[in-house]
Amino acid sequence: MPRALERPHFDWASFRVDVPKGKIFCTLPPHHEFSNVFLTPEEQRMLCEAEPDIFFPVPNKWGEKGATSIRLKACDATTLRSALVMSWRHAAPAKIHPELKL
């Protein structure tokens, strides 16, 4: 993802857009069983209904706001990239969206 940086987030890795606020678009725990992305509640609902073996809401208040976990072993590269792109677009300012080459 354009301007993506990896930074610690407690004991997890986080991936942020390198702009002044450095908003997180993905987190990865040390066990690497799943990753979390930040979607709208509507996007989350769509993915969880379409691929329940891959996507599930984060089980807390963040999950109610669209934070979504991805079971990495169940997910192919195309599906993972699609979820990461959605999350990145929410974290990145609109002026840098054209930098994303699909």
PDB file of N, CA and C in Angstrom:
ATOM      1  N   MET A   1       0.836  -1.173   0.000  1.00  0.00           N
ATOM      2  CA  MET A   1       0.000   0.000   0.000  1.00  0.00           C
ATOM      3  C   MET A   1       0.892   1.251   0.000  1.00  0.00           C
ATOM      4  N   PRO A   2       0.501   2.271  -0.755  1.00  0.00           N
ATOM      5  CA  PRO A   2       1.300   3.487  -0.787  1.00  0.00           C
ATOM      6  C   PRO A   2       1.450   4.122   0.596  1.00  0.00           C
ATOM      7  N   ARG A   3       2.656   4.576   0.859  1.00  0.00           N
ATOM      8  CA  ARG A   3       2.990   5.289   2.096  1.00  0.00           C
ATOM      9  C   ARG A   3       2.702   4.477   3.359  1.00  0.00           C
ATOM     10  N   ALA A   4       2.715   3.162   3.247  1.00  0.00           N
ATOM     11  CA  ALA A   4       2.464   2.315   4.416  1.00  0.00           C
ATOM     12  C   ALA A   4       3.741   2.156   5.233  1.00  0.00           C
ATOM     13  N   LEU A   5       3.574   2.235   6.536  1.00  0.00           N
ATOM     14  CA  LEU A   5       4.668   2.031   7.485  1.00  0.00           C
ATOM     15  C   LEU A   5       4.244   0.987   8.499  1.00  0.00           C
ATOM     16  N   GLU A   6       5.188   0.187   8.934  1.00  0.00           N
ATOM     17  CA  GLU A   6       4.917  -0.740  10.030  1.00  0.00           C
ATOM     18  C   GLU A   6       5.425  -0.099  11.320  1.00  0.00           C
ATOM     19  N   ARG A   7       4.580  -0.085  12.334  1.00  0.00           N
ATOM     20  CA  ARG A   7       4.931   0.464  13.640  1.00  0.00           C
ATOM     21  C   ARG A   7       4.335  -0.438  14.720  1.00  0.00           C
ATOM     22  N   PRO A   8       4.974  -0.499  15.883  1.00  0.00           N
ATOM     23  CA  PRO A   8       4.390  -1.280  16.976  1.00  0.00           C
ATOM     24  C   PRO A   8       3.074  -0.657  17.458  1.00  0.00           C
ATOM     25  N   HIS A   9       2.189  -1.506  17.865  1.00  0.00           N
ATOM     26  CA  HIS A   9       0.922  -1.088  18.487  1.00  0.00           C
ATOM     27  C   HIS A   9       0.723  -2.024  19.668  1.00  0.00           C
ATOM     28  N   PHE A  10       1.194  -1.615  20.833  1.00  0.00           N
ATOM     29  CA  PHE A  10       1.294  -2.476  22.005  1.00  0.00           C
ATOM     30  C   PHE A  10       2.193  -3.648  21.614  1.00  0.00           C
ATOM     31  N   ASP A  11       1.762  -4.894  21.759  1.00  0.00           N
ATOM     32  CA  ASP A  11       2.625  -6.021  21.375  1.00  0.00           C
ATOM     33  C   ASP A  11       2.281  -6.554  19.974  1.00  0.00           C
ATOM     34  N   TRP A  12       1.520  -5.810  19.215  1.00  0.00           N
ATOM     35  CA  TRP A  12       1.142  -6.178  17.851  1.00  0.00           C
ATOM     36  C   TRP A  12       1.879  -5.284  16.860  1.00  0.00           C
ATOM     37  N   ALA A  13       1.941  -5.734  15.617  1.00  0.00           N
ATOM     38  CA  ALA A  13       2.409  -4.872  14.532  1.00  0.00           C
ATOM     39  C   ALA A  13       1.199  -4.089  14.017  1.00  0.00           C
ATOM     40  N   SER A  14       1.434  -2.864  13.618  1.00  0.00           N
ATOM     41  CA  SER A  14       0.373  -2.100  12.967  1.00  0.00           C
ATOM     42  C   SER A  14       0.936  -1.532  11.669  1.00  0.00           C
ATOM     43  N   PHE A  15       0.045  -1.361  10.729  1.00  0.00           N
ATOM     44  CA  PHE A  15       0.402  -0.789   9.439  1.00  0.00           C
ATOM     45  C   PHE A  15      -0.413   0.481   9.293  1.00  0.00           C
ATOM     46  N   ARG A  16       0.309   1.577   9.032  1.00  0.00           N
ATOM     47  CA  ARG A  16      -0.287   2.903   9.027  1.00  0.00           C
ATOM     48  C   ARG A  16       0.030   3.617   7.726  1.00  0.00           C
ATOM     49  N   VAL A  17      -0.819   4.566   7.393  1.00  0.00           N
ATOM     50  CA  VAL A  17      -0.542   5.436   6.259  1.00  0.00           C
ATOM     51  C   VAL A  17       0.383   6.530   6.767  1.00  0.00           C
ATOM     52  N   ASP A  18       1.514   6.712   6.116  1.00  0.00           N
ATOM     53  CA  ASP A  18       2.520   7.684   6.535  1.00  0.00           C
ATOM     54  C   ASP A  18       2.112   9.092   6.112  1.00  0.00           C
ATOM     55  N   VAL A  19       1.175   9.620   6.846  1.00  0.00           N
ATOM     56  CA  VAL A  19       0.737  11.003   6.704  1.00  0.00           C
ATOM     57  C   VAL A  19       0.716  11.576   8.111  1.00  0.00           C
ATOM     58  N   PRO A  20       0.474  12.847   8.281  1.00  0.00           N
ATOM     59  CA  PRO A  20       0.638  13.424   9.618  1.00  0.00           C
ATOM     60  C   PRO A  20       0.002  12.656  10.775  1.00  0.00           C
ATOM     61  N   LYS A  21      -1.182  12.137  10.626  1.00  0.00           N
ATOM     62  CA  LYS A  21      -1.815  11.427  11.745  1.00  0.00           C
ATOM     63  C   LYS A  21      -1.420   9.957  11.807  1.00  0.00           C
ATOM     64  N   GLY A  22      -0.893   9.408  10.735  1.00  0.00           N
ATOM     65  CA  GLY A  22      -0.447   8.021  10.720  1.00  0.00           C
ATOM     66  C   GLY A  22      -1.533   7.031  11.100  1.00  0.00           C
ATOM     67  N   LYS A  23      -2.697   7.134  10.475  1.00  0.00           N
ATOM     68  CA  LYS A  23      -3.833   6.288  10.839  1.00  0.00           C
ATOM     69  C   LYS A  23      -3.564   4.817  10.517  1.00  0.00           C
ATOM     70  N   ILE A  24      -3.950   3.955  11.444  1.00  0.00           N
ATOM     71  CA  ILE A  24      -3.790   2.510  11.285  1.00  0.00           C
ATOM     72  C   ILE A  24      -4.845   1.979  10.311  1.00  0.00           C
ATOM     73  N   PHE A  25      -4.406   1.116   9.386  1.00  0.00           N
ATOM     74  CA  PHE A  25      -5.360   0.437   8.513  1.00  0.00           C
ATOM     75  C   PHE A  25      -5.319  -1.083   8.689  1.00  0.00           C
ATOM     76  N   CYS A  26      -4.333  -1.590   9.426  1.00  0.00           N
ATOM     77  CA  CYS A  26      -4.227  -3.033   9.630  1.00  0.00           C
ATOM     78  C   CYS A  26      -3.392  -3.311  10.881  1.00  0.00           C
ATOM     79  N   THR A  27      -3.782  -4.315  11.639  1.00  0.00           N
ATOM     80  CA  THR A  27      -2.966  -4.782  12.759  1.00  0.00           C
ATOM     81  C   THR A  27      -2.739  -6.278  12.621  1.00  0.00           C
ATOM     82  N   LEU A  28      -1.633  -6.737  13.197  1.00  0.00           N
ATOM     83  CA  LEU A  28      -1.257  -8.141  13.106  1.00  0.00           C
ATOM     84  C   LEU A  28      -0.698  -8.579  14.457  1.00  0.00           C
ATOM     85  N   PRO A  29      -1.359  -9.548  15.117  1.00  0.00           N
ATOM     86  CA  PRO A  29      -0.849 -10.025  16.396  1.00  0.00           C
ATOM     87  C   PRO A  29       0.366 -10.929  16.204  1.00  0.00           C
ATOM     88  N   PRO A  30       1.111 -11.176  17.275  1.00  0.00           N
ATOM     89  CA  PRO A  30       2.332 -11.988  17.156  1.00  0.00           C
ATOM     90  C   PRO A  30       2.090 -13.410  16.636  1.00  0.00           C
ATOM     91  N   HIS A  31       0.915 -13.988  16.883  1.00  0.00           N
ATOM     92  CA  HIS A  31       0.664 -15.374  16.452  1.00  0.00           C
ATOM     93  C   HIS A  31       0.341 -15.495  14.969  1.00  0.00           C
ATOM     94  N   HIS A  32       0.006 -14.398  14.295  1.00  0.00           N
ATOM     95  CA  HIS A  32      -0.258 -14.348  12.847  1.00  0.00           C
ATOM     96  C   HIS A  32      -1.405 -15.254  12.401  1.00  0.00           C
ATOM     97  N   GLU A  33      -2.321 -15.587  13.300  1.00  0.00           N
ATOM     98  CA  GLU A  33      -3.468 -16.408  12.909  1.00  0.00           C
ATOM     99  C   GLU A  33      -4.520 -15.571  12.178  1.00  0.00           C
ATOM    100  N   PHE A  34      -4.601 -14.319  12.551  1.00  0.00           N
ATOM    101  CA  PHE A  34      -5.548 -13.417  11.908  1.00  0.00           C
ATOM    102  C   PHE A  34      -4.926 -12.029  11.850  1.00  0.00           C
ATOM    103  N   SER A  35      -5.558 -11.179  11.082  1.00  0.00           N
ATOM    104  CA  SER A  35      -5.190  -9.778  10.983  1.00  0.00           C
ATOM    105  C   SER A  35      -6.471  -8.984  11.133  1.00  0.00           C
ATOM    106  N   ASN A  36      -6.365  -7.741  11.544  1.00  0.00           N
ATOM    107  CA  ASN A  36      -7.543  -6.885  11.673  1.00  0.00           C
ATOM    108  C   ASN A  36      -7.443  -5.733  10.690  1.00  0.00           C
ATOM    109  N   VAL A  37      -8.563  -5.413  10.064  1.00  0.00           N
ATOM    110  CA  VAL A  37      -8.669  -4.246   9.195  1.00  0.00           C
ATOM    111  C   VAL A  37      -9.834  -3.402   9.690  1.00  0.00           C
ATOM    112  N   PHE A  38      -9.896  -2.181   9.203  1.00  0.00           N
ATOM    113  CA  PHE A  38     -10.891  -1.233   9.693  1.00  0.00           C
ATOM    114  C   PHE A  38     -11.783  -0.806   8.539  1.00  0.00           C
ATOM    115  N   LEU A  39     -13.006  -1.300   8.580  1.00  0.00           N
ATOM    116  CA  LEU A  39     -13.978  -1.114   7.508  1.00  0.00           C
ATOM    117  C   LEU A  39     -15.176  -0.340   8.030  1.00  0.00           C
ATOM    118  N   THR A  40     -16.095  -0.003   7.139  1.00  0.00           N
ATOM    119  CA  THR A  40     -17.371   0.527   7.599  1.00  0.00           C
ATOM    120  C   THR A  40     -18.200  -0.657   8.091  1.00  0.00           C
ATOM    121  N   PRO A  41     -19.186  -0.420   8.942  1.00  0.00           N
ATOM    122  CA  PRO A  41     -20.054  -1.530   9.350  1.00  0.00           C
ATOM    123  C   PRO A  41     -20.720  -2.226   8.159  1.00  0.00           C
ATOM    124  N   GLU A  42     -21.052  -1.464   7.118  1.00  0.00           N
ATOM    125  CA  GLU A  42     -21.682  -2.065   5.932  1.00  0.00           C
ATOM    126  C   GLU A  42     -20.702  -2.975   5.193  1.00  0.00           C
ATOM    127  N   GLU A  43     -19.459  -2.520   5.023  1.00  0.00           N
ATOM    128  CA  GLU A  43     -18.444  -3.360   4.377  1.00  0.00           C
ATOM    129  C   GLU A  43     -18.203  -4.621   5.202  1.00  0.00           C
ATOM    130  N   GLN A  44     -18.113  -4.443   6.512  1.00  0.00           N
ATOM    131  CA  GLN A  44     -17.908  -5.593   7.399  1.00  0.00           C
ATOM    132  C   GLN A  44     -19.029  -6.609   7.235  1.00  0.00           C
ATOM    133  N   ARG A  45     -20.266  -6.140   7.276  1.00  0.00           N
ATOM    134  CA  ARG A  45     -21.425  -7.026   7.148  1.00  0.00           C
ATOM    135  C   ARG A  45     -21.370  -7.781   5.820  1.00  0.00           C
ATOM    136  N   MET A  46     -21.055  -7.078   4.743  1.00  0.00           N
ATOM    137  CA  MET A  46     -20.979  -7.697   3.418  1.00  0.00           C
ATOM    138  C   MET A  46     -19.933  -8.815   3.395  1.00  0.00           C
ATOM    139  N   LEU A  47     -18.726  -8.535   3.898  1.00  0.00           N
ATOM    140  CA  LEU A  47     -17.660  -9.540   3.868  1.00  0.00           C
ATOM    141  C   LEU A  47     -17.957 -10.710   4.794  1.00  0.00           C
ATOM    142  N   CYS A  48     -18.471 -10.422   5.981  1.00  0.00           N
ATOM    143  CA  CYS A  48     -18.763 -11.499   6.938  1.00  0.00           C
ATOM    144  C   CYS A  48     -19.875 -12.412   6.433  1.00  0.00           C
ATOM    145  N   GLU A  49     -20.857 -11.842   5.747  1.00  0.00           N
ATOM    146  CA  GLU A  49     -21.935 -12.659   5.181  1.00  0.00           C
ATOM    147  C   GLU A  49     -21.450 -13.454   3.967  1.00  0.00           C
ATOM    148  N   ALA A  50     -20.607 -12.846   3.135  1.00  0.00           N
ATOM    149  CA  ALA A  50     -20.133 -13.508   1.916  1.00  0.00           C
ATOM    150  C   ALA A  50     -19.098 -14.589   2.206  1.00  0.00           C
ATOM    151  N   GLU A  51     -18.230 -14.360   3.195  1.00  0.00           N
ATOM    152  CA  GLU A  51     -17.118 -15.277   3.494  1.00  0.00           C
ATOM    153  C   GLU A  51     -16.977 -15.470   5.010  1.00  0.00           C
ATOM    154  N   PRO A  52     -17.951 -16.125   5.659  1.00  0.00           N
ATOM    155  CA  PRO A  52     -17.911 -16.262   7.121  1.00  0.00           C
ATOM    156  C   PRO A  52     -16.746 -17.102   7.642  1.00  0.00           C
ATOM    157  N   ASP A  53     -16.149 -17.920   6.800  1.00  0.00           N
ATOM    158  CA  ASP A  53     -14.983 -18.694   7.233  1.00  0.00           C
ATOM    159  C   ASP A  53     -13.705 -17.856   7.231  1.00  0.00           C
ATOM    160  N   ILE A  54     -13.762 -16.704   6.594  1.00  0.00           N
ATOM    161  CA  ILE A  54     -12.598 -15.822   6.509  1.00  0.00           C
ATOM    162  C   ILE A  54     -12.743 -14.604   7.415  1.00  0.00           C
ATOM    163  N   PHE A  55     -13.878 -13.927   7.335  1.00  0.00           N
ATOM    164  CA  PHE A  55     -14.073 -12.648   8.021  1.00  0.00           C
ATOM    165  C   PHE A  55     -14.990 -12.793   9.225  1.00  0.00           C
ATOM    166  N   PHE A  56     -14.643 -12.075  10.307  1.00  0.00           N
ATOM    167  CA  PHE A  56     -15.526 -11.997  11.474  1.00  0.00           C
ATOM    168  C   PHE A  56     -15.272 -10.680  12.199  1.00  0.00           C
ATOM    169  N   PRO A  57     -16.318 -10.117  12.830  1.00  0.00           N
ATOM    170  CA  PRO A  57     -16.134  -8.853  13.544  1.00  0.00           C
ATOM    171  C   PRO A  57     -15.192  -9.033  14.732  1.00  0.00           C
ATOM    172  N   VAL A  58     -14.365  -8.030  14.980  1.00  0.00           N
ATOM    173  CA  VAL A  58     -13.547  -8.028  16.192  1.00  0.00           C
ATOM    174  C   VAL A  58     -14.534  -8.072  17.369  1.00  0.00           C
ATOM    175  N   PRO A  59     -14.333  -8.968  18.333  1.00  0.00           N
ATOM    176  CA  PRO A  59     -15.333  -9.168  19.393  1.00  0.00           C
ATOM    177  C   PRO A  59     -15.255  -8.121  20.516  1.00  0.00           C
ATOM    178  N   ASN A  60     -15.453  -6.867  20.171  1.00  0.00           N
ATOM    179  CA  ASN A  60     -15.505  -5.805  21.175  1.00  0.00           C
ATOM    180  C   ASN A  60     -16.191  -4.591  20.546  1.00  0.00           C
ATOM    181  N   LYS A  61     -16.113  -3.453  21.212  1.00  0.00           N
ATOM    182  CA  LYS A  61     -16.774  -2.250  20.677  1.00  0.00           C
ATOM    183  C   LYS A  61     -16.184  -1.806  19.344  1.00  0.00           C
ATOM    184  N   TRP A  62     -14.878  -2.078  19.125  1.00  0.00           N
ATOM    185  CA  TRP A  62     -14.288  -1.749  17.822  1.00  0.00           C
ATOM    186  C   TRP A  62     -14.982  -2.532  16.723  1.00  0.00           C
ATOM    187  N   GLY A  63     -15.302  -3.801  17.005  1.00  0.00           N
ATOM    188  CA  GLY A  63     -15.990  -4.633  16.027  1.00  0.00           C
ATOM    189  C   GLY A  63     -17.348  -4.085  15.646  1.00  0.00           C
ATOM    190  N   GLU A  64     -18.031  -3.471  16.604  1.00  0.00           N
ATOM    191  CA  GLU A  64     -19.331  -2.865  16.316  1.00  0.00           C
ATOM    192  C   GLU A  64     -19.196  -1.672  15.376  1.00  0.00           C
ATOM    193  N   LYS A  65     -17.998  -1.093  15.312  1.00  0.00           N
ATOM    194  CA  LYS A  65     -17.753   0.075  14.458  1.00  0.00           C
ATOM    195  C   LYS A  65     -17.129  -0.310  13.116  1.00  0.00           C
ATOM    196  N   GLY A  66     -16.930  -1.612  12.872  1.00  0.00           N
ATOM    197  CA  GLY A  66     -16.403  -2.063  11.581  1.00  0.00           C
ATOM    198  C   GLY A  66     -15.051  -2.754  11.636  1.00  0.00           C
ATOM    199  N   ALA A  67     -14.395  -2.782  12.805  1.00  0.00           N
ATOM    200  CA  ALA A  67     -13.114  -3.496  12.903  1.00  0.00           C
ATOM    201  C   ALA A  67     -13.384  -4.973  12.623  1.00  0.00           C
ATOM    202  N   THR A  68     -12.641  -5.527  11.673  1.00  0.00           N
ATOM    203  CA  THR A  68     -12.917  -6.860  11.149  1.00  0.00           C
ATOM    204  C   THR A  68     -11.655  -7.709  11.157  1.00  0.00           C
ATOM    205  N   SER A  69     -11.779  -8.930  11.645  1.00  0.00           N
ATOM    206  CA  SER A  69     -10.659  -9.871  11.647  1.00  0.00           C
ATOM    207  C   SER A  69     -10.711 -10.740  10.398  1.00  0.00           C
ATOM    208  N   ILE A  70      -9.528 -11.128   9.940  1.00  0.00           N
ATOM    209  CA  ILE A  70      -9.382 -11.973   8.755  1.00  0.00           C
ATOM    210  C   ILE A  70      -8.579 -13.208   9.166  1.00  0.00           C
ATOM    211  N   ARG A  71      -9.159 -14.402   9.005  1.00  0.00           N
ATOM    212  CA  ARG A  71      -8.422 -15.648   9.262  1.00  0.00           C
ATOM    213  C   ARG A  71      -7.456 -15.844   8.101  1.00  0.00           C
ATOM    214  N   LEU A  72      -6.175 -15.661   8.368  1.00  0.00           N
ATOM    215  CA  LEU A  72      -5.185 -15.614   7.290  1.00  0.00           C
ATOM    216  C   LEU A  72      -5.028 -16.939   6.556  1.00  0.00           C
ATOM    217  N   LYS A  73      -5.075 -18.064   7.250  1.00  0.00           N
ATOM    218  CA  LYS A  73      -4.910 -19.354   6.567  1.00  0.00           C
ATOM    219  C   LYS A  73      -6.072 -19.664   5.638  1.00  0.00           C
ATOM    220  N   ALA A  74      -7.230 -19.072   5.889  1.00  0.00           N
ATOM    221  CA  ALA A  74      -8.413 -19.324   5.071  1.00  0.00           C
ATOM    222  C   ALA A  74      -8.536 -18.348   3.905  1.00  0.00           C
ATOM    223  N   CYS A  75      -7.674 -17.344   3.871  1.00  0.00           N
ATOM    224  CA  CYS A  75      -7.821 -16.232   2.927  1.00  0.00           C
ATOM    225  C   CYS A  75      -6.787 -16.311   1.808  1.00  0.00           C
ATOM    226  N   ASP A  76      -7.245 -16.150   0.568  1.00  0.00           N
ATOM    227  CA  ASP A  76      -6.288 -16.092  -0.541  1.00  0.00           C
ATOM    228  C   ASP A  76      -5.765 -14.662  -0.695  1.00  0.00           C
ATOM    229  N   ALA A  77      -4.717 -14.504  -1.464  1.00  0.00           N
ATOM    230  CA  ALA A  77      -4.044 -13.212  -1.609  1.00  0.00           C
ATOM    231  C   ALA A  77      -4.957 -12.141  -2.206  1.00  0.00           C
ATOM    232  N   THR A  78      -5.808 -12.498  -3.148  1.00  0.00           N
ATOM    233  CA  THR A  78      -6.699 -11.524  -3.788  1.00  0.00           C
ATOM    234  C   THR A  78      -7.721 -10.991  -2.797  1.00  0.00           C
ATOM    235  N   THR A  79      -8.300 -11.873  -2.006  1.00  0.00           N
ATOM    236  CA  THR A  79      -9.295 -11.474  -1.006  1.00  0.00           C
ATOM    237  C   THR A  79      -8.649 -10.612   0.076  1.00  0.00           C
ATOM    238  N   LEU A  80      -7.458 -11.003   0.515  1.00  0.00           N
ATOM    239  CA  LEU A  80      -6.744 -10.227   1.528  1.00  0.00           C
ATOM    240  C   LEU A  80      -6.425  -8.832   1.000  1.00  0.00           C
ATOM    241  N   ARG A  81      -5.923  -8.760  -0.208  1.00  0.00           N
ATOM    242  CA  ARG A  81      -5.586  -7.452  -0.787  1.00  0.00           C
ATOM    243  C   ARG A  81      -6.828  -6.573  -0.894  1.00  0.00           C
ATOM    244  N   SER A  82      -7.935  -7.130  -1.281  1.00  0.00           N
ATOM    245  CA  SER A  82      -9.176  -6.359  -1.395  1.00  0.00           C
ATOM    246  C   SER A  82      -9.571  -5.749  -0.046  1.00  0.00           C
ATOM    247  N   ALA A  83      -9.491  -6.536   1.023  1.00  0.00           N
ATOM    248  CA  ALA A  83      -9.834  -6.031   2.357  1.00  0.00           C
ATOM    249  C   ALA A  83      -8.829  -4.965   2.801  1.00  0.00           C
ATOM    250  N   LEU A  84      -7.553  -5.186   2.530  1.00  0.00           N
ATOM    251  CA  LEU A  84      -6.537  -4.202   2.892  1.00  0.00           C
ATOM    252  C   LEU A  84      -6.738  -2.887   2.138  1.00  0.00           C
ATOM    253  N   VAL A  85      -7.090  -2.976   0.869  1.00  0.00           N
ATOM    254  CA  VAL A  85      -7.333  -1.770   0.073  1.00  0.00           C
ATOM    255  C   VAL A  85      -8.515  -0.992   0.654  1.00  0.00           C
ATOM    256  N   MET A  86      -9.595  -1.687   0.996  1.00  0.00           N
ATOM    257  CA  MET A  86     -10.751  -0.998   1.590  1.00  0.00           C
ATOM    258  C   MET A  86     -10.338  -0.274   2.856  1.00  0.00           C
ATOM    259  N   SER A  87      -9.594  -0.953   3.718  1.00  0.00           N
ATOM    260  CA  SER A  87      -9.173  -0.363   4.985  1.00  0.00           C
ATOM    261  C   SER A  87      -8.204   0.799   4.754  1.00  0.00           C
ATOM    262  N   TRP A  88      -7.251   0.615   3.840  1.00  0.00           N
ATOM    263  CA  TRP A  88      -6.296   1.674   3.532  1.00  0.00           C
ATOM    264  C   TRP A  88      -7.011   2.940   3.063  1.00  0.00           C
ATOM    265  N   ARG A  89      -8.019   2.775   2.214  1.00  0.00           N
ATOM    266  CA  ARG A  89      -8.755   3.942   1.693  1.00  0.00           C
ATOM    267  C   ARG A  89      -9.418   4.739   2.818  1.00  0.00           C
ATOM    268  N   HIS A  90      -9.843   4.061   3.883  1.00  0.00           N
ATOM    269  CA  HIS A  90     -10.453   4.776   5.009  1.00  0.00           C
ATOM    270  C   HIS A  90      -9.398   5.535   5.813  1.00  0.00           C
ATOM    271  N   ALA A  91      -8.190   5.011   5.873  1.00  0.00           N
ATOM    272  CA  ALA A  91      -7.130   5.638   6.669  1.00  0.00           C
ATOM    273  C   ALA A  91      -6.392   6.732   5.899  1.00  0.00           C
ATOM    274  N   ALA A  92      -6.305   6.599   4.599  1.00  0.00           N
ATOM    275  CA  ALA A  92      -5.524   7.532   3.779  1.00  0.00           C
ATOM    276  C   ALA A  92      -6.356   8.751   3.381  1.00  0.00           C
ATOM    277  N   PRO A  93      -5.746   9.915   3.373  1.00  0.00           N
ATOM    278  CA  PRO A  93      -6.468  11.089   2.867  1.00  0.00           C
ATOM    279  C   PRO A  93      -6.798  10.906   1.382  1.00  0.00           C
ATOM    280  N   ALA A  94      -7.930  11.431   0.974  1.00  0.00           N
ATOM    281  CA  ALA A  94      -8.380  11.275  -0.416  1.00  0.00           C
ATOM    282  C   ALA A  94      -7.343  11.758  -1.427  1.00  0.00           C
ATOM    283  N   LYS A  95      -6.555  12.758  -1.069  1.00  0.00           N
ATOM    284  CA  LYS A  95      -5.588  13.302  -2.031  1.00  0.00           C
ATOM    285  C   LYS A  95      -4.488  12.299  -2.392  1.00  0.00           C
ATOM    286  N   ILE A  96      -4.277  11.244  -1.573  1.00  0.00           N
ATOM    287  CA  ILE A  96      -3.263  10.253  -1.955  1.00  0.00           C
ATOM    288  C   ILE A  96      -3.880   8.960  -2.495  1.00  0.00           C
ATOM    289  N   HIS A  97      -5.197   8.874  -2.576  1.00  0.00           N
ATOM    290  CA  HIS A  97      -5.841   7.679  -3.152  1.00  0.00           C
ATOM    291  C   HIS A  97      -5.340   7.351  -4.559  1.00  0.00           C
ATOM    292  N   PRO A  98      -5.063   8.356  -5.414  1.00  0.00           N
ATOM    293  CA  PRO A  98      -4.553   8.021  -6.754  1.00  0.00           C
ATOM    294  C   PRO A  98      -3.214   7.279  -6.756  1.00  0.00           C
ATOM    295  N   GLU A  99      -2.475   7.338  -5.653  1.00  0.00           N
ATOM    296  CA  GLU A  99      -1.207   6.612  -5.571  1.00  0.00           C
ATOM    297  C   GLU A  99      -1.389   5.104  -5.506  1.00  0.00           C
ATOM    298  N   LEU A 100      -2.599   4.666  -5.163  1.00  0.00           N
ATOM    299  CA  LEU A 100      -2.891   3.244  -5.075  1.00  0.00           C
ATOM    300  C   LEU A 100      -3.093   2.685  -6.469  1.00  0.00           C
ATOM    301  N   LYS A 101      -2.212   1.800  -6.866  1.00  0.00           N
ATOM    302  CA  LYS A 101      -2.304   1.179  -8.190  1.00  0.00           C
ATOM    303  C   LYS A 101      -2.950  -0.191  -8.038  1.00  0.00           C
ATOM    304  N   LEU A 102      -4.106  -0.361  -8.616  1.00  0.00           N
ATOM    305  CA  LEU A 102      -4.811  -1.636  -8.523  1.00  0.00           C
ATOM    306  C   LEU A 102      -4.456  -2.444  -9.687  1.00  0.00           C
TER     307      LEU A 102
END
